[in-house]
């Protein structure tokens, strides 16, 4: 099984974020669909990851950061970005995937990335 998102709800960084989020907003961040929380992005975590990634990109490389997409390294909470341009006239596509597996108790866990 594979997915573009994999939040590790046992990670101290993820738990710290969720605690701070609840302090600020009085609720848990939302999941996109009413289904398995591990298969769909957590909107709060996704927003945090996107702002951290692109904020770091702009801070480090300025407005020409798109030429340095493969050099942007940031520890994110739920996803990772591996942007690749499909051709010279296109935008970028995120090709990062998490390979996940089910445990005997039906919990999901990551077994790596591409």
N, C-alpha and C. Protein backbone atom coordinates (compact mmCIF):
# COMPACT_ATOMS: atom_id res chain seq x y z
N UNK A 1 0.85 -1.17 0.00
CA UNK A 1 0.00 0.00 0.00
C UNK A 1 0.90 1.23 0.00
N UNK A 2 0.48 2.31 -0.62
CA UNK A 2 1.26 3.54 -0.60
C UNK A 2 0.33 4.74 -0.47
N UNK A 3 0.91 5.85 -0.04
CA UNK A 3 0.15 7.06 0.19
C UNK A 3 1.08 8.26 0.13
N UNK A 4 0.54 9.46 -0.15
CA UNK A 4 1.33 10.68 -0.15
C UNK A 4 1.49 11.27 1.25
N UNK A 5 0.71 10.78 2.20
CA UNK A 5 0.71 11.34 3.54
C UNK A 5 0.90 10.21 4.54
N UNK A 6 1.74 10.47 5.56
CA UNK A 6 1.85 9.50 6.63
C UNK A 6 2.26 10.23 7.91
N UNK A 7 1.28 10.64 8.71
CA UNK A 7 1.63 11.22 10.01
C UNK A 7 1.90 10.12 11.02
N UNK A 8 3.01 10.21 11.71
CA UNK A 8 3.32 9.25 12.76
C UNK A 8 2.78 9.81 14.07
N UNK A 9 1.61 9.33 14.49
CA UNK A 9 0.96 9.87 15.68
C UNK A 9 1.68 9.47 16.97
N UNK A 10 2.79 8.77 16.88
CA UNK A 10 3.63 8.49 18.05
C UNK A 10 4.86 9.39 18.08
N UNK A 11 5.06 10.18 17.04
CA UNK A 11 6.21 11.08 16.96
C UNK A 11 6.07 12.23 17.96
N UNK A 12 7.11 12.53 18.74
CA UNK A 12 7.04 13.66 19.66
C UNK A 12 6.73 14.99 18.96
N UNK A 13 7.25 15.19 17.75
CA UNK A 13 6.99 16.43 17.02
C UNK A 13 5.52 16.54 16.62
N UNK A 14 4.93 15.45 16.16
CA UNK A 14 3.51 15.45 15.79
C UNK A 14 2.65 15.66 17.03
N UNK A 15 2.96 14.97 18.11
CA UNK A 15 2.18 15.13 19.35
C UNK A 15 2.28 16.55 19.89
N UNK A 16 3.47 17.16 19.81
CA UNK A 16 3.65 18.55 20.24
C UNK A 16 2.81 19.50 19.39
N UNK A 17 2.82 19.27 18.07
CA UNK A 17 2.01 20.11 17.18
C UNK A 17 0.53 19.98 17.52
N UNK A 18 0.04 18.75 17.68
CA UNK A 18 -1.38 18.54 17.98
C UNK A 18 -1.78 19.20 19.29
N UNK A 19 -0.91 19.15 20.28
CA UNK A 19 -1.19 19.79 21.57
C UNK A 19 -1.28 21.30 21.40
N UNK A 20 -0.33 21.89 20.70
CA UNK A 20 -0.33 23.35 20.46
C UNK A 20 -1.55 23.76 19.63
N UNK A 21 -1.89 22.97 18.63
CA UNK A 21 -3.04 23.26 17.78
C UNK A 21 -4.31 23.33 18.63
N UNK A 22 -4.46 22.33 19.51
CA UNK A 22 -5.65 22.29 20.35
C UNK A 22 -5.68 23.47 21.33
N UNK A 23 -4.52 23.89 21.83
CA UNK A 23 -4.45 25.06 22.71
C UNK A 23 -4.89 26.32 21.96
N UNK A 24 -4.45 26.47 20.73
CA UNK A 24 -4.75 27.67 19.95
C UNK A 24 -6.19 27.70 19.46
N UNK A 25 -6.68 26.56 18.97
CA UNK A 25 -7.97 26.54 18.29
C UNK A 25 -9.08 25.83 19.07
N UNK A 26 -8.74 25.20 20.18
CA UNK A 26 -9.75 24.54 21.01
C UNK A 26 -10.32 23.27 20.43
N UNK A 27 -9.68 22.71 19.42
CA UNK A 27 -10.14 21.50 18.77
C UNK A 27 -8.98 20.78 18.11
N UNK A 28 -9.21 19.55 17.72
CA UNK A 28 -8.21 18.80 16.97
C UNK A 28 -8.23 19.27 15.51
N UNK A 29 -7.09 19.23 14.82
CA UNK A 29 -7.13 19.53 13.38
C UNK A 29 -7.98 18.50 12.64
N UNK A 30 -8.58 18.91 11.55
CA UNK A 30 -9.52 18.04 10.84
C UNK A 30 -8.85 17.13 9.83
N UNK A 31 -9.53 16.05 9.54
CA UNK A 31 -9.13 15.10 8.50
C UNK A 31 -10.03 15.39 7.30
N UNK A 32 -9.53 15.24 6.09
CA UNK A 32 -10.30 15.56 4.88
C UNK A 32 -11.58 14.75 4.74
N UNK A 33 -11.54 13.46 5.02
CA UNK A 33 -12.71 12.60 4.82
C UNK A 33 -13.02 11.85 6.10
N UNK A 34 -14.25 11.46 6.28
CA UNK A 34 -14.65 10.68 7.45
C UNK A 34 -14.30 9.22 7.22
N UNK A 35 -13.03 8.92 7.29
CA UNK A 35 -12.56 7.58 7.01
C UNK A 35 -11.31 7.34 7.85
N UNK A 36 -10.51 6.38 7.48
CA UNK A 36 -9.29 6.05 8.20
C UNK A 36 -8.37 7.25 8.27
N UNK A 37 -8.05 7.73 9.47
CA UNK A 37 -7.25 8.93 9.64
C UNK A 37 -5.85 8.79 9.05
N UNK A 38 -5.36 7.57 8.88
CA UNK A 38 -4.03 7.37 8.36
C UNK A 38 -3.95 7.44 6.83
N UNK A 39 -5.10 7.44 6.15
CA UNK A 39 -5.08 7.41 4.69
C UNK A 39 -5.33 8.77 4.05
N UNK A 40 -5.78 9.74 4.84
CA UNK A 40 -6.08 11.06 4.30
C UNK A 40 -5.32 12.11 5.07
N UNK A 41 -4.97 13.21 4.43
CA UNK A 41 -4.15 14.21 5.11
C UNK A 41 -4.91 14.91 6.23
N UNK A 42 -4.19 15.19 7.29
CA UNK A 42 -4.69 16.00 8.38
C UNK A 42 -4.48 17.44 7.93
N UNK A 43 -5.55 18.21 7.81
CA UNK A 43 -5.46 19.55 7.25
C UNK A 43 -4.51 20.46 8.03
N UNK A 44 -4.53 20.38 9.36
CA UNK A 44 -3.63 21.20 10.17
C UNK A 44 -2.18 20.87 9.91
N UNK A 45 -1.86 19.58 9.88
CA UNK A 45 -0.50 19.14 9.60
C UNK A 45 -0.07 19.50 8.18
N UNK A 46 -0.98 19.34 7.23
CA UNK A 46 -0.66 19.66 5.84
C UNK A 46 -0.34 21.14 5.68
N UNK A 47 -1.15 21.99 6.30
CA UNK A 47 -0.88 23.43 6.23
C UNK A 47 0.45 23.79 6.86
N UNK A 48 0.74 23.20 8.01
CA UNK A 48 2.01 23.44 8.69
C UNK A 48 3.18 23.01 7.80
N UNK A 49 3.10 21.80 7.25
CA UNK A 49 4.17 21.29 6.40
C UNK A 49 4.39 22.16 5.17
N UNK A 50 3.30 22.56 4.52
CA UNK A 50 3.41 23.38 3.30
C UNK A 50 4.05 24.74 3.60
N UNK A 51 3.59 25.39 4.66
CA UNK A 51 4.15 26.71 5.01
C UNK A 51 5.62 26.57 5.42
N UNK A 52 5.94 25.54 6.20
CA UNK A 52 7.33 25.34 6.61
C UNK A 52 8.22 25.08 5.40
N UNK A 53 7.76 24.23 4.48
CA UNK A 53 8.56 23.91 3.30
C UNK A 53 8.78 25.14 2.42
N UNK A 54 7.69 25.79 2.03
CA UNK A 54 7.83 26.92 1.11
C UNK A 54 8.40 28.16 1.79
N UNK A 55 8.13 28.32 3.08
CA UNK A 55 8.76 29.42 3.82
C UNK A 55 10.26 29.24 3.88
N UNK A 56 10.71 28.01 4.14
CA UNK A 56 12.14 27.72 4.15
C UNK A 56 12.74 27.94 2.77
N UNK A 57 12.02 27.53 1.73
CA UNK A 57 12.49 27.69 0.35
C UNK A 57 12.71 29.17 0.02
N UNK A 58 11.74 29.99 0.35
CA UNK A 58 11.84 31.43 0.04
C UNK A 58 12.92 32.08 0.89
N UNK A 59 12.99 31.71 2.17
CA UNK A 59 14.02 32.26 3.05
C UNK A 59 15.41 31.89 2.55
N UNK A 60 15.60 30.64 2.14
CA UNK A 60 16.92 30.15 1.74
C UNK A 60 17.33 30.57 0.34
N UNK A 61 16.37 30.61 -0.60
CA UNK A 61 16.73 30.81 -2.00
C UNK A 61 16.05 32.01 -2.64
N UNK A 62 15.22 32.71 -1.91
CA UNK A 62 14.54 33.88 -2.46
C UNK A 62 13.50 33.49 -3.48
N UNK A 63 13.15 34.45 -4.31
CA UNK A 63 12.07 34.22 -5.27
C UNK A 63 12.44 33.24 -6.38
N UNK A 64 13.70 32.87 -6.48
CA UNK A 64 14.12 31.90 -7.50
C UNK A 64 14.26 30.49 -6.92
N UNK A 65 13.52 30.22 -5.84
CA UNK A 65 13.66 28.92 -5.17
C UNK A 65 13.30 27.74 -6.07
N UNK A 66 12.49 27.96 -7.10
CA UNK A 66 12.08 26.82 -7.93
C UNK A 66 13.27 26.17 -8.64
N UNK A 67 14.35 26.90 -8.84
CA UNK A 67 15.54 26.33 -9.46
C UNK A 67 16.30 25.43 -8.49
N UNK A 68 15.95 25.51 -7.21
CA UNK A 68 16.67 24.76 -6.17
C UNK A 68 15.78 23.77 -5.44
N UNK A 69 14.69 23.34 -6.04
CA UNK A 69 13.71 22.49 -5.36
C UNK A 69 14.34 21.24 -4.75
N UNK A 70 15.30 20.63 -5.40
CA UNK A 70 15.89 19.40 -4.87
C UNK A 70 16.84 19.68 -3.71
N UNK A 71 17.21 20.95 -3.48
CA UNK A 71 18.12 21.31 -2.40
C UNK A 71 17.40 21.70 -1.11
N UNK A 72 16.08 21.76 -1.14
CA UNK A 72 15.31 22.18 0.03
C UNK A 72 15.09 20.98 0.94
N UNK A 73 15.68 21.03 2.11
CA UNK A 73 15.59 19.93 3.08
C UNK A 73 14.94 20.45 4.35
N UNK A 74 13.78 19.91 4.69
CA UNK A 74 13.04 20.33 5.87
C UNK A 74 12.41 19.09 6.50
N UNK A 75 12.48 18.98 7.83
CA UNK A 75 11.81 17.89 8.53
C UNK A 75 10.34 18.26 8.71
N UNK A 76 9.46 17.53 8.05
CA UNK A 76 8.04 17.82 8.08
C UNK A 76 7.30 16.80 8.93
N UNK A 77 6.05 17.08 9.26
CA UNK A 77 5.30 16.25 10.19
C UNK A 77 4.49 15.13 9.53
N UNK A 78 3.91 15.40 8.38
CA UNK A 78 2.97 14.45 7.79
C UNK A 78 3.34 14.02 6.38
N UNK A 79 4.03 14.87 5.68
CA UNK A 79 4.34 14.55 4.29
C UNK A 79 5.77 14.98 4.00
N UNK A 80 6.22 14.65 2.84
CA UNK A 80 7.52 15.08 2.37
C UNK A 80 7.31 15.52 0.93
N UNK A 81 8.15 16.39 0.48
CA UNK A 81 8.01 16.88 -0.89
C UNK A 81 9.22 16.46 -1.71
N UNK A 82 8.94 15.87 -2.83
CA UNK A 82 9.96 15.51 -3.81
C UNK A 82 9.44 16.03 -5.15
N UNK A 83 9.63 17.33 -5.35
CA UNK A 83 9.07 17.97 -6.53
C UNK A 83 9.93 17.71 -7.76
N UNK A 84 9.27 17.38 -8.84
CA UNK A 84 9.95 17.19 -10.12
C UNK A 84 9.13 17.89 -11.20
N UNK A 85 9.85 18.53 -12.10
CA UNK A 85 9.20 19.20 -13.23
C UNK A 85 9.01 18.17 -14.33
N UNK A 86 7.81 18.08 -14.88
CA UNK A 86 7.55 17.07 -15.91
C UNK A 86 8.10 17.48 -17.27
N UNK A 87 8.19 18.78 -17.53
CA UNK A 87 8.85 19.28 -18.74
C UNK A 87 9.19 20.75 -18.52
N UNK A 88 9.85 21.38 -19.47
CA UNK A 88 10.32 22.76 -19.31
C UNK A 88 9.19 23.78 -19.23
N UNK A 89 7.98 23.43 -19.63
CA UNK A 89 6.88 24.39 -19.67
C UNK A 89 5.82 24.10 -18.62
N UNK A 90 6.12 23.20 -17.70
CA UNK A 90 5.11 22.82 -16.72
C UNK A 90 5.49 23.30 -15.33
N UNK A 91 4.58 23.08 -14.41
CA UNK A 91 4.87 23.30 -13.00
C UNK A 91 5.54 22.06 -12.44
N UNK A 92 5.43 21.88 -11.14
CA UNK A 92 6.07 20.76 -10.47
C UNK A 92 5.03 19.75 -9.99
N UNK A 93 5.45 18.50 -9.89
CA UNK A 93 4.62 17.42 -9.37
C UNK A 93 5.35 16.84 -8.15
N UNK A 94 4.61 16.61 -7.07
CA UNK A 94 5.21 15.96 -5.90
C UNK A 94 5.14 14.45 -6.10
N UNK A 95 6.31 13.84 -6.25
CA UNK A 95 6.39 12.40 -6.49
C UNK A 95 6.75 11.59 -5.26
N UNK A 96 6.70 12.20 -4.08
CA UNK A 96 7.06 11.45 -2.85
C UNK A 96 5.89 10.55 -2.44
N UNK A 97 6.19 9.31 -2.17
CA UNK A 97 5.21 8.35 -1.67
C UNK A 97 5.75 7.69 -0.41
N UNK A 98 4.85 7.37 0.49
CA UNK A 98 5.18 6.55 1.66
C UNK A 98 4.65 5.15 1.41
N UNK A 99 5.49 4.17 1.62
CA UNK A 99 5.03 2.79 1.53
C UNK A 99 4.63 2.39 2.95
N UNK A 100 3.39 1.93 3.07
CA UNK A 100 2.85 1.62 4.39
C UNK A 100 2.33 0.19 4.42
N UNK A 101 2.27 -0.35 5.61
CA UNK A 101 1.84 -1.72 5.79
C UNK A 101 0.93 -1.79 7.01
N UNK A 102 0.14 -2.82 7.08
CA UNK A 102 -0.74 -3.04 8.23
C UNK A 102 -0.08 -4.00 9.21
N UNK A 103 -0.21 -3.70 10.50
CA UNK A 103 0.24 -4.63 11.53
C UNK A 103 -0.84 -5.67 11.77
N UNK A 104 -0.56 -6.62 12.62
CA UNK A 104 -1.56 -7.65 12.97
C UNK A 104 -2.79 -7.05 13.64
N UNK A 105 -2.62 -5.86 14.25
CA UNK A 105 -3.75 -5.19 14.91
C UNK A 105 -4.38 -4.14 13.99
N UNK A 106 -4.05 -4.17 12.72
CA UNK A 106 -4.61 -3.29 11.69
C UNK A 106 -4.18 -1.83 11.82
N UNK A 107 -3.08 -1.58 12.54
CA UNK A 107 -2.49 -0.25 12.57
C UNK A 107 -1.62 -0.10 11.32
N UNK A 108 -1.52 1.12 10.83
CA UNK A 108 -0.65 1.38 9.69
C UNK A 108 0.72 1.83 10.18
N UNK A 109 1.76 1.43 9.47
CA UNK A 109 3.10 1.92 9.78
C UNK A 109 3.89 2.05 8.48
N UNK A 110 4.80 3.01 8.47
CA UNK A 110 5.58 3.29 7.28
C UNK A 110 6.70 2.26 7.16
N UNK A 111 6.93 1.80 5.93
CA UNK A 111 8.06 0.90 5.68
C UNK A 111 9.08 1.55 4.75
N UNK A 112 8.92 2.88 4.53
CA UNK A 112 9.89 3.61 3.73
C UNK A 112 9.25 4.56 2.75
N UNK A 113 10.09 5.25 2.01
CA UNK A 113 9.64 6.19 0.98
C UNK A 113 10.34 5.90 -0.33
N UNK A 114 9.83 6.48 -1.39
CA UNK A 114 10.48 6.30 -2.69
C UNK A 114 11.62 7.26 -2.84
